[in-house]
Amino acid sequence: MLVVLAAAAGSTAATSTSTESTQQAIGYPTLFLLVLIGALVPVVPTGALVSSAAVVAFHQTAPFALALVFVTASLAAFLGDAALYWLGRRGMGSKNGSRWLAAIRARAPEERLSQAQGKLAEHGVAVLVLSRLVPAGRIPVMLACLLADWPLRRFARGNAPACLAWAVTYQVIGILGGSLFPEPWEGVVAAVGLTVVISVAPSVWRRVRAAG
């Protein structure tokens, strides 16, 4: 009887390990691709993706799962930002501009752009680091860097710690969601809900203040 139970437990563990390996083989490349696309086309909720991936990794037994989520997300965000900035610089140097530069300008209202330019002139790279932690703050600051004629290398040096801080922040949200609930899907729902609240709170506050 004990032999049968041990064999069943071993089979279950092997199945669980195989499932986790399959999830990792599919999940990490998918996370990388979606975060990369989200950096280029700022409509994908990349923060929610990272938090959800962190919840799943928290419940896995595989070693370094959370570390892999962090490396994947931060690297994809960095490369996506660098690519978008490079495309923006090409558009700045072109007589006809570019659709990428037009997309950046469209997502940076004049008021927020003016604020970003003032803060960038005053605080430099620190503003770039904070811009990724503020909802809808990344694009106005990126455009301010473009208008200030920052070379790609200077932008990348400031953006690297920004992407690391961003990945850590949303991964912590995912870990909190994963630790509060026994089932991964419950943690994912909680993490996604929290990231949505964080993303919409500033715009709701601005509207309330303007109405007042």
N, C-alpha and C. Protein backbone atom coordinates (compact mmCIF):
# COMPACT_ATOMS: atom_id res chain seq x y z
N MET A 1 0.83 -1.21 0.00
CA MET A 1 0.00 0.00 0.00
C MET A 1 0.86 1.25 0.00
N LEU A 2 1.89 1.24 0.88
CA LEU A 2 2.80 2.38 0.95
C LEU A 2 3.53 2.57 -0.37
N VAL A 3 3.88 1.44 -0.99
CA VAL A 3 4.58 1.51 -2.28
C VAL A 3 3.69 2.17 -3.32
N VAL A 4 2.40 1.81 -3.32
CA VAL A 4 1.46 2.37 -4.29
C VAL A 4 1.31 3.87 -4.07
N LEU A 5 1.16 4.28 -2.78
CA LEU A 5 1.02 5.70 -2.47
C LEU A 5 2.26 6.48 -2.87
N ALA A 6 3.44 5.90 -2.61
CA ALA A 6 4.68 6.56 -2.97
C ALA A 6 4.79 6.72 -4.48
N ALA A 7 4.38 5.66 -5.20
CA ALA A 7 4.42 5.72 -6.66
C ALA A 7 3.46 6.78 -7.18
N ALA A 8 2.26 6.85 -6.56
CA ALA A 8 1.27 7.85 -6.98
C ALA A 8 1.78 9.26 -6.71
N ALA A 9 2.40 9.45 -5.54
CA ALA A 9 2.94 10.76 -5.20
C ALA A 9 4.05 11.15 -6.17
N GLY A 10 4.89 10.15 -6.51
CA GLY A 10 5.97 10.43 -7.46
C GLY A 10 5.43 10.80 -8.82
N SER A 11 4.37 10.09 -9.22
CA SER A 11 3.75 10.40 -10.52
C SER A 11 3.15 11.79 -10.53
N THR A 12 2.48 12.16 -9.41
CA THR A 12 1.88 13.50 -9.31
C THR A 12 2.95 14.57 -9.35
N ALA A 13 4.05 14.34 -8.62
CA ALA A 13 5.14 15.32 -8.60
C ALA A 13 5.76 15.47 -9.98
N ALA A 14 5.92 14.32 -10.67
CA ALA A 14 6.49 14.37 -12.01
C ALA A 14 5.58 15.13 -12.96
N THR A 15 4.25 14.87 -12.83
CA THR A 15 3.28 15.57 -13.67
C THR A 15 3.31 17.07 -13.40
N SER A 16 3.38 17.43 -12.09
CA SER A 16 3.43 18.84 -11.71
C SER A 16 4.67 19.52 -12.26
N THR A 17 5.81 18.82 -12.16
CA THR A 17 7.06 19.38 -12.67
C THR A 17 7.01 19.57 -14.17
N SER A 18 6.42 18.57 -14.85
CA SER A 18 6.29 18.66 -16.31
C SER A 18 5.39 19.82 -16.71
N THR A 19 4.29 19.99 -15.95
CA THR A 19 3.37 21.09 -16.24
C THR A 19 4.05 22.44 -16.05
N GLU A 20 4.79 22.57 -14.96
CA GLU A 20 5.50 23.82 -14.70
C GLU A 20 6.55 24.09 -15.78
N SER A 21 7.23 23.04 -16.21
CA SER A 21 8.23 23.23 -17.27
C SER A 21 7.59 23.71 -18.56
N THR A 22 6.42 23.14 -18.87
CA THR A 22 5.70 23.57 -20.07
C THR A 22 5.25 25.02 -19.94
N GLN A 23 4.73 25.39 -18.76
CA GLN A 23 4.29 26.76 -18.52
C GLN A 23 5.44 27.74 -18.68
N GLN A 24 6.61 27.37 -18.17
CA GLN A 24 7.77 28.24 -18.28
C GLN A 24 8.23 28.38 -19.73
N ALA A 25 8.23 27.26 -20.44
CA ALA A 25 8.68 27.28 -21.84
C ALA A 25 7.79 28.18 -22.69
N ILE A 26 6.51 28.22 -22.36
CA ILE A 26 5.58 29.08 -23.11
C ILE A 26 5.47 30.46 -22.49
N GLY A 27 5.45 30.49 -21.15
CA GLY A 27 5.13 31.73 -20.44
C GLY A 27 6.17 32.83 -20.56
N TYR A 28 7.44 32.50 -20.39
CA TYR A 28 8.47 33.53 -20.40
C TYR A 28 8.63 34.20 -21.77
N PRO A 29 8.71 33.43 -22.86
CA PRO A 29 8.75 34.10 -24.17
C PRO A 29 7.51 34.94 -24.44
N THR A 30 6.34 34.44 -24.00
CA THR A 30 5.10 35.20 -24.20
C THR A 30 5.14 36.50 -23.40
N LEU A 31 5.57 36.42 -22.14
CA LEU A 31 5.69 37.62 -21.31
C LEU A 31 6.65 38.61 -21.94
N PHE A 32 7.79 38.12 -22.42
CA PHE A 32 8.77 39.01 -23.06
C PHE A 32 8.17 39.71 -24.26
N LEU A 33 7.49 38.95 -25.11
CA LEU A 33 6.92 39.51 -26.34
C LEU A 33 5.83 40.54 -26.02
N LEU A 34 4.96 40.23 -25.07
CA LEU A 34 3.86 41.14 -24.75
C LEU A 34 4.36 42.43 -24.10
N VAL A 35 5.34 42.33 -23.22
CA VAL A 35 5.90 43.54 -22.60
C VAL A 35 6.63 44.38 -23.63
N LEU A 36 7.34 43.72 -24.54
CA LEU A 36 8.03 44.43 -25.61
C LEU A 36 7.03 45.18 -26.50
N ILE A 37 5.96 44.50 -26.88
CA ILE A 37 4.93 45.14 -27.69
C ILE A 37 4.26 46.28 -26.91
N GLY A 38 4.03 46.05 -25.62
CA GLY A 38 3.40 47.07 -24.79
C GLY A 38 4.24 48.32 -24.66
N ALA A 39 5.57 48.18 -24.70
CA ALA A 39 6.44 49.34 -24.65
C ALA A 39 6.39 50.12 -25.96
N LEU A 40 6.24 49.40 -27.06
CA LEU A 40 6.18 50.06 -28.37
C LEU A 40 4.79 50.63 -28.66
N VAL A 41 3.77 49.91 -28.24
CA VAL A 41 2.38 50.34 -28.47
C VAL A 41 1.71 50.43 -27.10
N PRO A 42 1.71 51.60 -26.48
CA PRO A 42 1.30 51.73 -25.07
C PRO A 42 -0.19 51.55 -24.84
N VAL A 43 -0.72 50.43 -25.28
CA VAL A 43 -2.12 50.10 -24.99
C VAL A 43 -2.22 48.74 -24.29
N VAL A 44 -1.13 47.98 -24.31
CA VAL A 44 -1.10 46.69 -23.62
C VAL A 44 -0.81 46.94 -22.15
N PRO A 45 -1.64 46.41 -21.22
CA PRO A 45 -1.42 46.64 -19.78
C PRO A 45 -0.25 45.82 -19.26
N THR A 46 0.96 46.30 -19.51
CA THR A 46 2.15 45.53 -19.17
C THR A 46 2.32 45.33 -17.67
N GLY A 47 1.92 46.32 -16.87
CA GLY A 47 2.03 46.15 -15.43
C GLY A 47 1.19 44.98 -14.93
N ALA A 48 -0.02 44.86 -15.45
CA ALA A 48 -0.89 43.75 -15.08
C ALA A 48 -0.30 42.41 -15.53
N LEU A 49 0.35 42.41 -16.68
CA LEU A 49 0.98 41.18 -17.18
C LEU A 49 2.09 40.72 -16.23
N VAL A 50 2.93 41.67 -15.81
CA VAL A 50 4.04 41.32 -14.92
C VAL A 50 3.51 40.84 -13.57
N SER A 51 2.50 41.52 -13.04
CA SER A 51 1.91 41.10 -11.76
C SER A 51 1.31 39.70 -11.86
N SER A 52 0.61 39.42 -12.96
CA SER A 52 0.01 38.10 -13.15
C SER A 52 1.07 37.02 -13.26
N ALA A 53 2.13 37.31 -14.00
CA ALA A 53 3.23 36.35 -14.13
C ALA A 53 3.90 36.10 -12.78
N ALA A 54 4.00 37.16 -11.96
CA ALA A 54 4.60 37.00 -10.64
C ALA A 54 3.74 36.13 -9.73
N VAL A 55 2.41 36.25 -9.85
CA VAL A 55 1.51 35.40 -9.07
C VAL A 55 1.73 33.93 -9.42
N VAL A 56 1.76 33.65 -10.71
CA VAL A 56 1.95 32.26 -11.15
C VAL A 56 3.31 31.74 -10.69
N ALA A 57 4.36 32.57 -10.83
CA ALA A 57 5.69 32.15 -10.41
C ALA A 57 5.77 31.92 -8.91
N PHE A 58 5.02 32.72 -8.15
CA PHE A 58 5.02 32.58 -6.69
C PHE A 58 4.50 31.21 -6.27
N HIS A 59 3.54 30.69 -7.01
CA HIS A 59 2.93 29.40 -6.67
C HIS A 59 3.68 28.21 -7.28
N GLN A 60 4.71 28.47 -8.05
CA GLN A 60 5.47 27.37 -8.65
C GLN A 60 6.56 26.89 -7.70
N THR A 61 6.94 25.63 -7.87
CA THR A 61 8.02 25.07 -7.06
C THR A 61 9.37 25.21 -7.76
N ALA A 62 9.37 25.59 -9.01
CA ALA A 62 10.62 25.72 -9.76
C ALA A 62 11.48 26.81 -9.15
N PRO A 63 12.78 26.57 -8.99
CA PRO A 63 13.66 27.60 -8.42
C PRO A 63 13.84 28.77 -9.39
N PHE A 64 14.02 29.94 -8.81
CA PHE A 64 14.31 31.16 -9.57
C PHE A 64 13.18 31.59 -10.50
N ALA A 65 11.95 31.10 -10.28
CA ALA A 65 10.85 31.47 -11.16
C ALA A 65 10.59 32.98 -11.08
N LEU A 66 10.57 33.51 -9.87
CA LEU A 66 10.33 34.95 -9.70
C LEU A 66 11.48 35.77 -10.29
N ALA A 67 12.69 35.27 -10.14
CA ALA A 67 13.84 35.99 -10.71
C ALA A 67 13.75 36.02 -12.24
N LEU A 68 13.28 34.94 -12.83
CA LEU A 68 13.14 34.88 -14.29
C LEU A 68 12.05 35.85 -14.78
N VAL A 69 10.98 35.98 -14.01
CA VAL A 69 9.94 36.95 -14.36
C VAL A 69 10.52 38.36 -14.33
N PHE A 70 11.29 38.65 -13.30
CA PHE A 70 11.89 39.98 -13.16
C PHE A 70 12.84 40.28 -14.32
N VAL A 71 13.72 39.35 -14.64
CA VAL A 71 14.68 39.56 -15.73
C VAL A 71 13.97 39.70 -17.07
N THR A 72 12.99 38.83 -17.31
CA THR A 72 12.25 38.87 -18.58
C THR A 72 11.51 40.19 -18.75
N ALA A 73 10.79 40.62 -17.71
CA ALA A 73 9.99 41.84 -17.80
C ALA A 73 10.86 43.08 -17.94
N SER A 74 11.89 43.18 -17.13
CA SER A 74 12.73 44.39 -17.17
C SER A 74 13.50 44.48 -18.48
N LEU A 75 13.99 43.35 -18.99
CA LEU A 75 14.73 43.38 -20.25
C LEU A 75 13.81 43.74 -21.41
N ALA A 76 12.62 43.16 -21.44
CA ALA A 76 11.67 43.47 -22.52
C ALA A 76 11.25 44.93 -22.48
N ALA A 77 11.01 45.46 -21.28
CA ALA A 77 10.63 46.87 -21.15
C ALA A 77 11.76 47.78 -21.61
N PHE A 78 12.98 47.44 -21.24
CA PHE A 78 14.14 48.26 -21.63
C PHE A 78 14.31 48.26 -23.15
N LEU A 79 14.27 47.09 -23.76
CA LEU A 79 14.46 47.00 -25.20
C LEU A 79 13.31 47.68 -25.95
N GLY A 80 12.08 47.53 -25.44
CA GLY A 80 10.95 48.20 -26.09
C GLY A 80 11.06 49.71 -26.01
N ASP A 81 11.43 50.23 -24.84
CA ASP A 81 11.61 51.68 -24.69
C ASP A 81 12.73 52.19 -25.60
N ALA A 82 13.83 51.45 -25.64
CA ALA A 82 14.96 51.86 -26.47
C ALA A 82 14.57 51.89 -27.94
N ALA A 83 13.81 50.88 -28.38
CA ALA A 83 13.38 50.83 -29.77
C ALA A 83 12.44 51.99 -30.10
N LEU A 84 11.50 52.27 -29.19
CA LEU A 84 10.56 53.37 -29.41
C LEU A 84 11.29 54.71 -29.43
N TYR A 85 12.27 54.87 -28.55
CA TYR A 85 13.02 56.13 -28.51
C TYR A 85 13.85 56.30 -29.79
N TRP A 86 14.45 55.20 -30.25
CA TRP A 86 15.22 55.25 -31.49
C TRP A 86 14.34 55.64 -32.67
N LEU A 87 13.14 55.05 -32.72
CA LEU A 87 12.20 55.39 -33.78
C LEU A 87 11.76 56.85 -33.67
N GLY A 88 11.60 57.33 -32.44
CA GLY A 88 11.24 58.72 -32.24
C GLY A 88 12.34 59.67 -32.70
N ARG A 89 13.59 59.31 -32.43
CA ARG A 89 14.71 60.15 -32.87
C ARG A 89 14.81 60.18 -34.39
N ARG A 90 14.54 59.05 -35.02
CA ARG A 90 14.51 59.03 -36.48
C ARG A 90 13.42 59.96 -37.00
N GLY A 91 12.28 59.94 -36.33
CA GLY A 91 11.19 60.82 -36.74
C GLY A 91 11.53 62.29 -36.54
N MET A 92 12.26 62.60 -35.46
CA MET A 92 12.66 63.99 -35.19
C MET A 92 13.60 64.50 -36.28
N GLY A 93 14.43 63.60 -36.81
CA GLY A 93 15.39 64.00 -37.84
C GLY A 93 14.85 63.97 -39.25
N SER A 94 13.63 63.47 -39.40
CA SER A 94 13.03 63.36 -40.73
C SER A 94 12.16 64.58 -41.03
N LYS A 95 12.18 65.01 -42.26
CA LYS A 95 11.35 66.16 -42.65
C LYS A 95 9.87 65.85 -42.52
N ASN A 96 9.51 64.64 -42.82
CA ASN A 96 8.10 64.25 -42.78
C ASN A 96 7.70 63.59 -41.46
N GLY A 97 8.65 63.52 -40.52
CA GLY A 97 8.35 62.88 -39.25
C GLY A 97 8.16 61.38 -39.42
N SER A 98 7.44 60.79 -38.53
CA SER A 98 7.15 59.36 -38.62
C SER A 98 5.88 59.06 -37.83
N ARG A 99 5.29 57.91 -38.14
CA ARG A 99 4.06 57.56 -37.43
C ARG A 99 4.35 57.23 -35.97
N TRP A 100 5.57 56.77 -35.69
CA TRP A 100 5.93 56.49 -34.31
C TRP A 100 6.03 57.79 -33.52
N LEU A 101 6.68 58.80 -34.10
CA LEU A 101 6.78 60.09 -33.43
C LEU A 101 5.40 60.70 -33.25
N ALA A 102 4.56 60.56 -34.27
CA ALA A 102 3.19 61.09 -34.18
C ALA A 102 2.42 60.38 -33.06
N ALA A 103 2.64 59.07 -32.91
CA ALA A 103 1.97 58.32 -31.85
C ALA A 103 2.43 58.77 -30.47
N ILE A 104 3.74 59.06 -30.34
CA ILE A 104 4.27 59.54 -29.07
C ILE A 104 3.67 60.90 -28.73
N ARG A 105 3.63 61.78 -29.73
CA ARG A 105 3.07 63.13 -29.52
C ARG A 105 1.59 63.05 -29.15
N ALA A 106 0.86 62.14 -29.78
CA ALA A 106 -0.57 62.02 -29.53
C ALA A 106 -0.87 61.60 -28.10
N ARG A 107 0.05 60.89 -27.47
CA ARG A 107 -0.16 60.38 -26.11
C ARG A 107 0.50 61.26 -25.07
N ALA A 108 0.94 62.45 -25.47
CA ALA A 108 1.57 63.38 -24.53
C ALA A 108 0.87 64.73 -24.62
N PRO A 109 -0.20 64.96 -23.84
CA PRO A 109 -0.90 66.24 -23.86
C PRO A 109 0.06 67.39 -23.55
N GLU A 110 -0.25 68.55 -24.09
CA GLU A 110 0.65 69.70 -23.96
C GLU A 110 0.94 70.03 -22.50
N GLU A 111 -0.07 69.98 -21.66
CA GLU A 111 0.13 70.32 -20.25
C GLU A 111 1.11 69.37 -19.59
N ARG A 112 0.92 68.08 -19.83
CA ARG A 112 1.81 67.08 -19.23
C ARG A 112 3.20 67.13 -19.84
N LEU A 113 3.27 67.45 -21.13
CA LEU A 113 4.57 67.59 -21.77
C LEU A 113 5.34 68.76 -21.19
N SER A 114 4.66 69.88 -20.97
CA SER A 114 5.32 71.05 -20.38
C SER A 114 5.83 70.74 -18.97
N GLN A 115 5.03 70.02 -18.20
CA GLN A 115 5.47 69.61 -16.87
C GLN A 115 6.69 68.70 -16.94
N ALA A 116 6.64 67.75 -17.87
CA ALA A 116 7.76 66.81 -18.02
C ALA A 116 9.03 67.54 -18.44
N GLN A 117 8.91 68.51 -19.35
CA GLN A 117 10.08 69.26 -19.79
C GLN A 117 10.69 70.06 -18.64
N GLY A 118 9.83 70.70 -17.84
CA GLY A 118 10.33 71.46 -16.70
C GLY A 118 11.03 70.58 -15.68
N LYS A 119 10.43 69.43 -15.37
CA LYS A 119 11.03 68.52 -14.39
C LYS A 119 12.30 67.89 -14.93
N LEU A 120 12.32 67.60 -16.23
CA LEU A 120 13.51 67.01 -16.83
C LEU A 120 14.67 67.99 -16.79
N ALA A 121 14.39 69.26 -17.09
CA ALA A 121 15.44 70.28 -17.05
C ALA A 121 15.96 70.49 -15.63
N GLU A 122 15.09 70.31 -14.65
CA GLU A 122 15.48 70.56 -13.26
C GLU A 122 16.16 69.36 -12.61
N HIS A 123 15.63 68.15 -12.88
CA HIS A 123 16.11 66.97 -12.15
C HIS A 123 16.84 65.96 -13.02
N GLY A 124 16.77 66.09 -14.33
CA GLY A 124 17.52 65.20 -15.21
C GLY A 124 17.03 63.77 -15.18
N VAL A 125 17.99 62.84 -15.05
CA VAL A 125 17.70 61.41 -15.17
C VAL A 125 16.72 60.91 -14.12
N ALA A 126 16.69 61.54 -12.95
CA ALA A 126 15.78 61.10 -11.89
C ALA A 126 14.33 61.11 -12.36
N VAL A 127 13.97 62.09 -13.18
CA VAL A 127 12.61 62.17 -13.70
C VAL A 127 12.33 60.98 -14.62
N LEU A 128 13.32 60.59 -15.40
CA LEU A 128 13.17 59.45 -16.30
C LEU A 128 12.94 58.17 -15.50
N VAL A 129 13.65 58.03 -14.40
CA VAL A 129 13.48 56.84 -13.56
C VAL A 129 12.07 56.78 -12.98
N LEU A 130 11.58 57.92 -12.49
CA LEU A 130 10.26 57.96 -11.87
C LEU A 130 9.12 57.86 -12.88
N SER A 131 9.41 58.23 -14.13
CA SER A 131 8.33 58.29 -15.12
C SER A 131 7.69 56.94 -15.36
N ARG A 132 8.44 55.87 -15.22
CA ARG A 132 7.86 54.53 -15.45
C ARG A 132 7.02 54.07 -14.28
N LEU A 133 7.18 54.70 -13.13
CA LEU A 133 6.39 54.31 -11.96
C LEU A 133 5.11 55.11 -11.85
N VAL A 134 5.00 56.19 -12.62
CA VAL A 134 3.80 57.03 -12.60
C VAL A 134 2.91 56.62 -13.78
N PRO A 135 1.66 56.25 -13.53
CA PRO A 135 0.77 55.89 -14.64
C PRO A 135 0.70 56.99 -15.69
N ALA A 136 0.87 56.62 -16.95
CA ALA A 136 0.85 57.55 -18.09
C ALA A 136 1.96 58.59 -18.00
N GLY A 137 3.02 58.29 -17.26
CA GLY A 137 4.11 59.24 -17.14
C GLY A 137 5.26 58.98 -18.09
N ARG A 138 5.33 57.78 -18.63
CA ARG A 138 6.48 57.38 -19.45
C ARG A 138 6.55 58.16 -20.77
N ILE A 139 5.44 58.25 -21.49
CA ILE A 139 5.46 58.84 -22.82
C ILE A 139 5.76 60.35 -22.79
N PRO A 140 5.13 61.15 -21.92
CA PRO A 140 5.48 62.58 -21.88
C PRO A 140 6.96 62.82 -21.57
N VAL A 141 7.53 62.04 -20.66
CA VAL A 141 8.95 62.22 -20.33
C VAL A 141 9.82 61.76 -21.49
N MET A 142 9.43 60.68 -22.17
CA MET A 142 10.19 60.23 -23.33
C MET A 142 10.19 61.30 -24.42
N LEU A 143 9.03 61.92 -24.66
CA LEU A 143 8.95 62.99 -25.65
C LEU A 143 9.77 64.20 -25.22
N ALA A 144 9.76 64.49 -23.92
CA ALA A 144 10.59 65.60 -23.42
C ALA A 144 12.07 65.32 -23.67
N CYS A 145 12.49 64.07 -23.50
CA CYS A 145 13.88 63.70 -23.80
C CYS A 145 14.18 63.86 -25.28
N LEU A 146 13.23 63.50 -26.13
CA LEU A 146 13.41 63.65 -27.57
C LEU A 146 13.55 65.13 -27.95
N LEU A 147 12.69 65.96 -27.38
CA LEU A 147 12.74 67.38 -27.69
C LEU A 147 13.99 68.04 -27.12
N ALA A 148 14.52 67.48 -26.04
CA ALA A 148 15.77 67.98 -25.47
C ALA A 148 16.99 67.44 -26.21
N ASP A 149 16.74 66.61 -27.23
CA ASP A 149 17.80 66.05 -28.07
C ASP A 149 18.76 65.16 -27.29
N TRP A 150 18.22 64.39 -26.37
CA TRP A 150 19.05 63.42 -25.68
C TRP A 150 19.45 62.32 -26.65
N PRO A 151 20.72 61.95 -26.71
CA PRO A 151 21.11 60.80 -27.54
C PRO A 151 20.57 59.51 -26.94
N LEU A 152 20.48 58.48 -27.77
CA LEU A 152 19.93 57.20 -27.32
C LEU A 152 20.72 56.64 -26.14
N ARG A 153 22.03 56.81 -26.16
CA ARG A 153 22.87 56.25 -25.08
C ARG A 153 22.51 56.89 -23.74
N ARG A 154 22.32 58.20 -23.73
CA ARG A 154 21.97 58.88 -22.48
C ARG A 154 20.59 58.45 -21.99
N PHE A 155 19.66 58.34 -22.93
CA PHE A 155 18.32 57.88 -22.56
C PHE A 155 18.37 56.47 -21.99
N ALA A 156 19.15 55.60 -22.61
CA ALA A 156 19.23 54.21 -22.17
C ALA A 156 19.83 54.11 -20.76
N ARG A 157 20.83 54.94 -20.46
CA ARG A 157 21.44 54.91 -19.13
C ARG A 157 20.41 55.27 -18.05
N GLY A 158 19.56 56.23 -18.33
CA GLY A 158 18.53 56.59 -17.36
C GLY A 158 17.36 55.62 -17.34
N ASN A 159 17.09 55.02 -18.49
CA ASN A 159 15.93 54.14 -18.59
C ASN A 159 16.19 52.77 -17.98
N ALA A 160 17.44 52.35 -17.90
CA ALA A 160 17.74 51.03 -17.34
C ALA A 160 17.26 50.91 -15.89
N PRO A 161 17.65 51.83 -14.98
CA PRO A 161 17.12 51.72 -13.62
C PRO A 161 15.61 51.93 -13.56
N ALA A 162 15.06 52.72 -14.50
CA ALA A 162 13.61 52.92 -14.54
C ALA A 162 12.89 51.60 -14.80
N CYS A 163 13.39 50.82 -15.74
CA CYS A 163 12.76 49.53 -16.07
C CYS A 163 12.93 48.53 -14.93
N LEU A 164 14.07 48.56 -14.27
CA LEU A 164 14.28 47.66 -13.13
C LEU A 164 13.30 48.00 -11.99
N ALA A 165 13.16 49.30 -11.70
CA ALA A 165 12.25 49.72 -10.63
C ALA A 165 10.81 49.38 -10.99
N TRP A 166 10.46 49.56 -12.26
CA TRP A 166 9.10 49.23 -12.72
C TRP A 166 8.82 47.75 -12.56
N ALA A 167 9.75 46.90 -12.98
CA ALA A 167 9.56 45.45 -12.88
C ALA A 167 9.43 45.01 -11.43
N VAL A 168 10.25 45.58 -10.55
CA VAL A 168 10.19 45.23 -9.12
C VAL A 168 8.84 45.63 -8.54
N THR A 169 8.37 46.83 -8.86
CA THR A 169 7.12 47.34 -8.30
C THR A 169 5.94 46.43 -8.64
N TYR A 170 5.80 46.10 -9.93
CA TYR A 170 4.65 45.28 -10.32
C TYR A 170 4.83 43.81 -9.93
N GLN A 171 6.08 43.38 -9.78
CA GLN A 171 6.28 42.02 -9.30
C GLN A 171 5.91 41.92 -7.82
N VAL A 172 6.20 42.93 -7.04
CA VAL A 172 5.81 42.94 -5.63
C VAL A 172 4.29 42.88 -5.51
N ILE A 173 3.59 43.61 -6.38
CA ILE A 173 2.12 43.55 -6.38
C ILE A 173 1.65 42.12 -6.63
N GLY A 174 2.29 41.45 -7.58
CA GLY A 174 1.94 40.06 -7.88
C GLY A 174 2.25 39.12 -6.72
N ILE A 175 3.37 39.34 -6.07
CA ILE A 175 3.73 38.49 -4.93
C ILE A 175 2.73 38.66 -3.79
N LEU A 176 2.32 39.91 -3.56
CA LEU A 176 1.31 40.16 -2.53
C LEU A 176 0.00 39.45 -2.86
N GLY A 177 -0.41 39.54 -4.14
CA GLY A 177 -1.63 38.86 -4.55
C GLY A 177 -1.51 37.35 -4.42
N GLY A 178 -0.34 36.82 -4.77
CA GLY A 178 -0.13 35.38 -4.66
C GLY A 178 -0.08 34.89 -3.23
N SER A 179 0.42 35.73 -2.31
CA SER A 179 0.53 35.31 -0.91
C SER A 179 -0.79 35.40 -0.16
N LEU A 180 -1.72 36.20 -0.66
CA LEU A 180 -3.00 36.39 0.03
C LEU A 180 -4.03 35.32 -0.30
N PHE A 181 -3.84 34.65 -1.44
CA PHE A 181 -4.85 33.69 -1.89
C PHE A 181 -4.20 32.34 -2.18
N PRO A 182 -4.89 31.24 -1.85
CA PRO A 182 -4.30 29.91 -2.07
C PRO A 182 -4.25 29.50 -3.53
N GLU A 183 -5.18 30.00 -4.33
CA GLU A 183 -5.23 29.61 -5.73
C GLU A 183 -4.59 30.70 -6.61
N PRO A 184 -3.78 30.30 -7.60
CA PRO A 184 -3.13 31.30 -8.46
C PRO A 184 -4.11 32.24 -9.16
N TRP A 185 -5.26 31.70 -9.63
CA TRP A 185 -6.19 32.54 -10.37
C TRP A 185 -6.75 33.65 -9.48
N GLU A 186 -6.94 33.35 -8.18
CA GLU A 186 -7.43 34.37 -7.26
C GLU A 186 -6.40 35.49 -7.10
N GLY A 187 -5.14 35.10 -6.99
CA GLY A 187 -4.08 36.09 -6.89
C GLY A 187 -3.96 36.93 -8.15
N VAL A 188 -4.15 36.29 -9.31
CA VAL A 188 -4.10 37.02 -10.58
C VAL A 188 -5.20 38.07 -10.64
N VAL A 189 -6.42 37.68 -10.25
CA VAL A 189 -7.54 38.62 -10.25
C VAL A 189 -7.25 39.80 -9.33
N ALA A 190 -6.73 39.51 -8.14
CA ALA A 190 -6.41 40.58 -7.19
C ALA A 190 -5.32 41.50 -7.72
N ALA A 191 -4.28 40.90 -8.30
CA ALA A 191 -3.16 41.70 -8.81
C ALA A 191 -3.60 42.57 -9.98
N VAL A 192 -4.38 42.00 -10.89
CA VAL A 192 -4.87 42.78 -12.03
C VAL A 192 -5.78 43.91 -11.57
N GLY A 193 -6.65 43.61 -10.61
CA GLY A 193 -7.53 44.65 -10.09
C GLY A 193 -6.75 45.79 -9.46
N LEU A 194 -5.71 45.46 -8.71
CA LEU A 194 -4.90 46.50 -8.07
C LEU A 194 -4.15 47.34 -9.09
N THR A 195 -3.60 46.70 -10.12
CA THR A 195 -2.88 47.46 -11.14
C THR A 195 -3.82 48.37 -11.93
N VAL A 196 -5.04 47.90 -12.15
CA VAL A 196 -6.02 48.76 -12.84
C VAL A 196 -6.35 49.98 -11.99
N VAL A 197 -6.54 49.77 -10.69
CA VAL A 197 -6.83 50.89 -9.79
C VAL A 197 -5.67 51.88 -9.80
N ILE A 198 -4.45 51.37 -9.74
CA ILE A 198 -3.28 52.24 -9.74
C ILE A 198 -3.19 53.04 -11.04
N SER A 199 -3.53 52.41 -12.16
CA SER A 199 -3.39 53.07 -13.46
C SER A 199 -4.44 54.14 -13.69
N VAL A 200 -5.65 53.94 -13.16
CA VAL A 200 -6.73 54.90 -13.43
C VAL A 200 -6.86 55.96 -12.34
N ALA A 201 -6.28 55.71 -11.17
CA ALA A 201 -6.44 56.64 -10.05
C ALA A 201 -5.99 58.06 -10.36
N PRO A 202 -4.80 58.25 -10.99
CA PRO A 202 -4.37 59.63 -11.26
C PRO A 202 -5.31 60.39 -12.19
N SER A 203 -5.80 59.72 -13.25
CA SER A 203 -6.69 60.42 -14.18
C SER A 203 -8.02 60.75 -13.51
N VAL A 204 -8.52 59.84 -12.66
CA VAL A 204 -9.77 60.12 -11.93
C VAL A 204 -9.58 61.28 -10.98
N TRP A 205 -8.43 61.32 -10.31
CA TRP A 205 -8.15 62.43 -9.38
C TRP A 205 -8.06 63.75 -10.11
N ARG A 206 -7.42 63.75 -11.29
CA ARG A 206 -7.33 65.00 -12.07
C ARG A 206 -8.70 65.49 -12.49
N ARG A 207 -9.57 64.57 -12.89
CA ARG A 207 -10.92 64.96 -13.30
C ARG A 207 -11.72 65.50 -12.12
N VAL A 208 -11.60 64.86 -10.97
CA VAL A 208 -12.31 65.32 -9.78
C VAL A 208 -11.81 66.70 -9.37
N ARG A 209 -10.49 66.89 -9.41
CA ARG A 209 -9.93 68.19 -9.03
C ARG A 209 -10.34 69.27 -10.01
N ALA A 210 -10.38 68.92 -11.32
CA ALA A 210 -10.79 69.90 -12.32
C ALA A 210 -12.27 70.27 -12.16
N ALA A 211 -13.09 69.26 -11.85
CA ALA A 211 -14.51 69.52 -11.65
C ALA A 211 -14.74 70.37 -10.41
N GLY A 212 -13.91 70.15 -9.37
CA GLY A 212 -14.04 70.95 -8.15
C GLY A 212 -13.58 72.37 -8.34
